C-alpha cells in the first residue's frame, strides 16, 4: 500500500517511489512492477 500511496501522491518515477518507500533497493527485481503500477495509476482516463 505504501507504494500505491506514493504514486497517487505524486511519485511518478521509479526513483521517486524508491525515495518514498525504499522499493527496488534490494535486488531491484520489482522495478518492472513499479513501472507498471505508475503507468496504471497515472494514465489519463
PDB file of N, CA and C in Angstrom:
ATOM      1  N   UNK A   1       0.816  -1.201   0.000  1.00  0.00           N
ATOM      2  CA  UNK A   1       0.000   0.000   0.000  1.00  0.00           C
ATOM      3  C   UNK A   1       0.855   1.259   0.000  1.00  0.00           C
ATOM      4  N   UNK A   2       2.032   1.214   0.611  1.00  0.00           N
ATOM      5  CA  UNK A   2       2.883   2.398   0.639  1.00  0.00           C
ATOM      6  C   UNK A   2       3.302   2.815  -0.763  1.00  0.00           C
ATOM      7  N   UNK A   3       3.542   1.853  -1.628  1.00  0.00           N
ATOM      8  CA  UNK A   3       3.954   2.162  -2.998  1.00  0.00           C
ATOM      9  C   UNK A   3       2.805   2.837  -3.740  1.00  0.00           C
ATOM     10  N   UNK A   4       1.617   2.316  -3.606  1.00  0.00           N
ATOM     11  CA  UNK A   4       0.456   2.913  -4.268  1.00  0.00           C
ATOM     12  C   UNK A   4       0.205   4.314  -3.728  1.00  0.00           C
ATOM     13  N   UNK A   5       0.301   4.506  -2.425  1.00  0.00           N
ATOM     14  CA  UNK A   5       0.123   5.844  -1.837  1.00  0.00           C
ATOM     15  C   UNK A   5       1.150   6.819  -2.387  1.00  0.00           C
ATOM     16  N   UNK A   6       2.386   6.380  -2.503  1.00  0.00           N
ATOM     17  CA  UNK A   6       3.437   7.253  -3.025  1.00  0.00           C
ATOM     18  C   UNK A   6       3.124   7.681  -4.454  1.00  0.00           C
ATOM     19  N   UNK A   7       2.678   6.743  -5.275  1.00  0.00           N
ATOM     20  CA  UNK A   7       2.361   7.054  -6.670  1.00  0.00           C
ATOM     21  C   UNK A   7       1.176   8.006  -6.745  1.00  0.00           C
ATOM     22  N   UNK A   8       0.134   7.717  -6.007  1.00  0.00           N
ATOM     23  CA  UNK A   8      -1.056   8.570  -6.008  1.00  0.00           C
ATOM     24  C   UNK A   8      -0.720   9.975  -5.503  1.00  0.00           C
ATOM     25  N   UNK A   9       0.232  10.063  -4.596  1.00  0.00           N
ATOM     26  CA  UNK A   9       0.617  11.361  -4.033  1.00  0.00           C
ATOM     27  C   UNK A   9       1.689  12.085  -4.851  1.00  0.00           C
ATOM     28  N   UNK A  10       2.005  11.566  -6.045  1.00  0.00           N
ATOM     29  CA  UNK A  10       2.869  12.311  -6.941  1.00  0.00           C
ATOM     30  C   UNK A  10       4.198  11.692  -7.309  1.00  0.00           C
ATOM     31  N   UNK A  11       4.535  10.538  -6.786  1.00  0.00           N
ATOM     32  CA  UNK A  11       5.791   9.877  -7.160  1.00  0.00           C
ATOM     33  C   UNK A  11       5.561   9.181  -8.499  1.00  0.00           C
ATOM     34  N   UNK A  12       5.959   9.835  -9.579  1.00  0.00           N
ATOM     35  CA  UNK A  12       5.636   9.320 -10.908  1.00  0.00           C
ATOM     36  C   UNK A  12       6.829   8.708 -11.630  1.00  0.00           C
ATOM     37  N   UNK A  13       7.910   8.471 -10.905  1.00  0.00           N
ATOM     38  CA  UNK A  13       9.059   7.761 -11.472  1.00  0.00           C
ATOM     39  C   UNK A  13       9.502   6.692 -10.476  1.00  0.00           C
ATOM     40  N   UNK A  14      10.246   5.717 -10.968  1.00  0.00           N
ATOM     41  CA  UNK A  14      10.751   4.670 -10.080  1.00  0.00           C
ATOM     42  C   UNK A  14      11.651   5.294  -9.015  1.00  0.00           C
ATOM     43  N   UNK A  15      12.472   6.263  -9.390  1.00  0.00           N
ATOM     44  CA  UNK A  15      13.344   6.925  -8.418  1.00  0.00           C
ATOM     45  C   UNK A  15      12.542   7.617  -7.313  1.00  0.00           C
ATOM     46  N   UNK A  16      11.468   8.283  -7.696  1.00  0.00           N
ATOM     47  CA  UNK A  16      10.640   8.969  -6.709  1.00  0.00           C
ATOM     48  C   UNK A  16       9.969   7.971  -5.763  1.00  0.00           C
ATOM     49  N   UNK A  17       9.476   6.866  -6.313  1.00  0.00           N
ATOM     50  CA  UNK A  17       8.868   5.829  -5.473  1.00  0.00           C
ATOM     51  C   UNK A  17       9.920   5.252  -4.534  1.00  0.00           C
ATOM     52  N   UNK A  18      11.118   5.040  -5.037  1.00  0.00           N
ATOM     53  CA  UNK A  18      12.206   4.495  -4.227  1.00  0.00           C
ATOM     54  C   UNK A  18      12.519   5.420  -3.054  1.00  0.00           C
ATOM     55  N   UNK A  19      12.574   6.709  -3.294  1.00  0.00           N
ATOM     56  CA  UNK A  19      12.862   7.669  -2.224  1.00  0.00           C
ATOM     57  C   UNK A  19      11.790   7.668  -1.145  1.00  0.00           C
ATOM     58  N   UNK A  20      10.541   7.449  -1.553  1.00  0.00           N
ATOM     59  CA  UNK A  20       9.423   7.463  -0.607  1.00  0.00           C
ATOM     60  C   UNK A  20       9.259   6.146   0.147  1.00  0.00           C
ATOM     61  N   UNK A  21       9.599   5.024  -0.511  1.00  0.00           N
ATOM     62  CA  UNK A  21       9.249   3.720   0.061  1.00  0.00           C
ATOM     63  C   UNK A  21      10.413   2.755   0.213  1.00  0.00           C
ATOM     64  N   UNK A  22      11.553   3.060  -0.358  1.00  0.00           N
ATOM     65  CA  UNK A  22      12.720   2.170  -0.391  1.00  0.00           C
ATOM     66  C   UNK A  22      12.487   0.935  -1.255  1.00  0.00           C
ATOM     67  N   UNK A  23      11.439   0.935  -2.072  1.00  0.00           N
ATOM     68  CA  UNK A  23      11.207  -0.163  -3.011  1.00  0.00           C
ATOM     69  C   UNK A  23      12.335  -0.183  -4.033  1.00  0.00           C
ATOM     70  N   UNK A  24      12.665  -1.313  -4.542  1.00  0.00           N
ATOM     71  CA  UNK A  24      13.694  -1.575  -5.560  1.00  0.00           C
ATOM     72  C   UNK A  24      15.113  -1.413  -5.035  1.00  0.00           C
ATOM     73  N   UNK A  25      15.287  -1.233  -3.749  1.00  0.00           N
ATOM     74  CA  UNK A  25      16.626  -1.014  -3.217  1.00  0.00           C
ATOM     75  C   UNK A  25      17.363  -2.314  -2.909  1.00  0.00           C
ATOM     76  N   UNK A  26      16.652  -3.424  -2.947  1.00  0.00           N
ATOM     77  CA  UNK A  26      17.305  -4.709  -2.725  1.00  0.00           C
ATOM     78  C   UNK A  26      17.936  -5.180  -4.018  1.00  0.00           C
ATOM     79  N   UNK A  27      17.374  -6.196  -4.583  1.00  0.00           N
ATOM     80  CA  UNK A  27      17.893  -6.760  -5.830  1.00  0.00           C
ATOM     81  C   UNK A  27      17.352  -6.014  -7.043  1.00  0.00           C
ATOM     82  N   UNK A  28      16.359  -5.162  -6.845  1.00  0.00           N
ATOM     83  CA  UNK A  28      15.797  -4.404  -7.956  1.00  0.00           C
ATOM     84  C   UNK A  28      14.833  -5.187  -8.823  1.00  0.00           C
ATOM     85  N   UNK A  29      14.451  -6.358  -8.375  1.00  0.00           N
ATOM     86  CA  UNK A  29      13.595  -7.212  -9.199  1.00  0.00           C
ATOM     87  C   UNK A  29      12.165  -6.683  -9.308  1.00  0.00           C
ATOM     88  N   UNK A  30      11.779  -5.755  -8.468  1.00  0.00           N
ATOM     89  CA  UNK A  30      10.413  -5.239  -8.535  1.00  0.00           C
ATOM     90  C   UNK A  30      10.316  -3.952  -9.365  1.00  0.00           C
ATOM     91  N   UNK A  31      11.415  -3.526  -9.972  1.00  0.00           N
ATOM     92  CA  UNK A  31      11.420  -2.289 -10.752  1.00  0.00           C
ATOM     93  C   UNK A  31      10.357  -2.311 -11.845  1.00  0.00           C
ATOM     94  N   UNK A  32      10.251  -3.412 -12.565  1.00  0.00           N
ATOM     95  CA  UNK A  32       9.260  -3.516 -13.642  1.00  0.00           C
ATOM     96  C   UNK A  32       7.840  -3.399 -13.085  1.00  0.00           C
ATOM     97  N   UNK A  33       7.585  -4.003 -11.944  1.00  0.00           N
ATOM     98  CA  UNK A  33       6.262  -3.930 -11.343  1.00  0.00           C
ATOM     99  C   UNK A  33       5.934  -2.501 -10.911  1.00  0.00           C
ATOM    100  N   UNK A  34       6.926  -1.788 -10.396  1.00  0.00           N
ATOM    101  CA  UNK A  34       6.721  -0.392 -10.012  1.00  0.00           C
ATOM    102  C   UNK A  34       6.399   0.439 -11.256  1.00  0.00           C
ATOM    103  N   UNK A  35       7.118   0.215 -12.338  1.00  0.00           N
ATOM    104  CA  UNK A  35       6.851   0.920 -13.590  1.00  0.00           C
ATOM    105  C   UNK A  35       5.425   0.664 -14.072  1.00  0.00           C
ATOM    106  N   UNK A  36       4.982  -0.565 -13.976  1.00  0.00           N
ATOM    107  CA  UNK A  36       3.614  -0.908 -14.403  1.00  0.00           C
ATOM    108  C   UNK A  36       2.567  -0.242 -13.524  1.00  0.00           C
ATOM    109  N   UNK A  37       2.826  -0.196 -12.213  1.00  0.00           N
ATOM    110  CA  UNK A  37       1.895   0.497 -11.306  1.00  0.00           C
ATOM    111  C   UNK A  37       1.810   1.980 -11.642  1.00  0.00           C
ATOM    112  N   UNK A  38       2.961   2.591 -11.905  1.00  0.00           N
ATOM    113  CA  UNK A  38       2.968   4.014 -12.260  1.00  0.00           C
ATOM    114  C   UNK A  38       2.150   4.239 -13.529  1.00  0.00           C
ATOM    115  N   UNK A  39       2.364   3.402 -14.531  1.00  0.00           N
ATOM    116  CA  UNK A  39       1.599   3.514 -15.779  1.00  0.00           C
ATOM    117  C   UNK A  39       0.103   3.371 -15.517  1.00  0.00           C
ATOM    118  N   UNK A  40      -0.270   2.399 -14.717  1.00  0.00           N
ATOM    119  CA  UNK A  40      -1.682   2.132 -14.449  1.00  0.00           C
ATOM    120  C   UNK A  40      -2.350   3.247 -13.651  1.00  0.00           C
ATOM    121  N   UNK A  41      -1.650   3.744 -12.648  1.00  0.00           N
ATOM    122  CA  UNK A  41      -2.254   4.732 -11.763  1.00  0.00           C
ATOM    123  C   UNK A  41      -2.157   6.158 -12.284  1.00  0.00           C
ATOM    124  N   UNK A  42      -1.255   6.410 -13.206  1.00  0.00           N
ATOM    125  CA  UNK A  42      -1.053   7.775 -13.705  1.00  0.00           C
ATOM    126  C   UNK A  42      -1.559   7.985 -15.121  1.00  0.00           C
ATOM    127  N   UNK A  43      -2.092   6.949 -15.733  1.00  0.00           N
ATOM    128  CA  UNK A  43      -2.563   7.104 -17.110  1.00  0.00           C
ATOM    129  C   UNK A  43      -3.865   7.906 -17.117  1.00  0.00           C
ATOM    130  N   UNK A  44      -4.012   8.810 -18.098  1.00  0.00           N
ATOM    131  CA  UNK A  44      -5.250   9.586 -18.186  1.00  0.00           C
ATOM    132  C   UNK A  44      -6.417   8.669 -18.527  1.00  0.00           C
ATOM    133  N   UNK A  45      -7.540   8.988 -17.971  1.00  0.00           N
ATOM    134  CA  UNK A  45      -8.728   8.134 -18.194  1.00  0.00           C
ATOM    135  C   UNK A  45      -9.586   8.668 -19.292  1.00  0.00           C
TER     136      UNK A  45
END
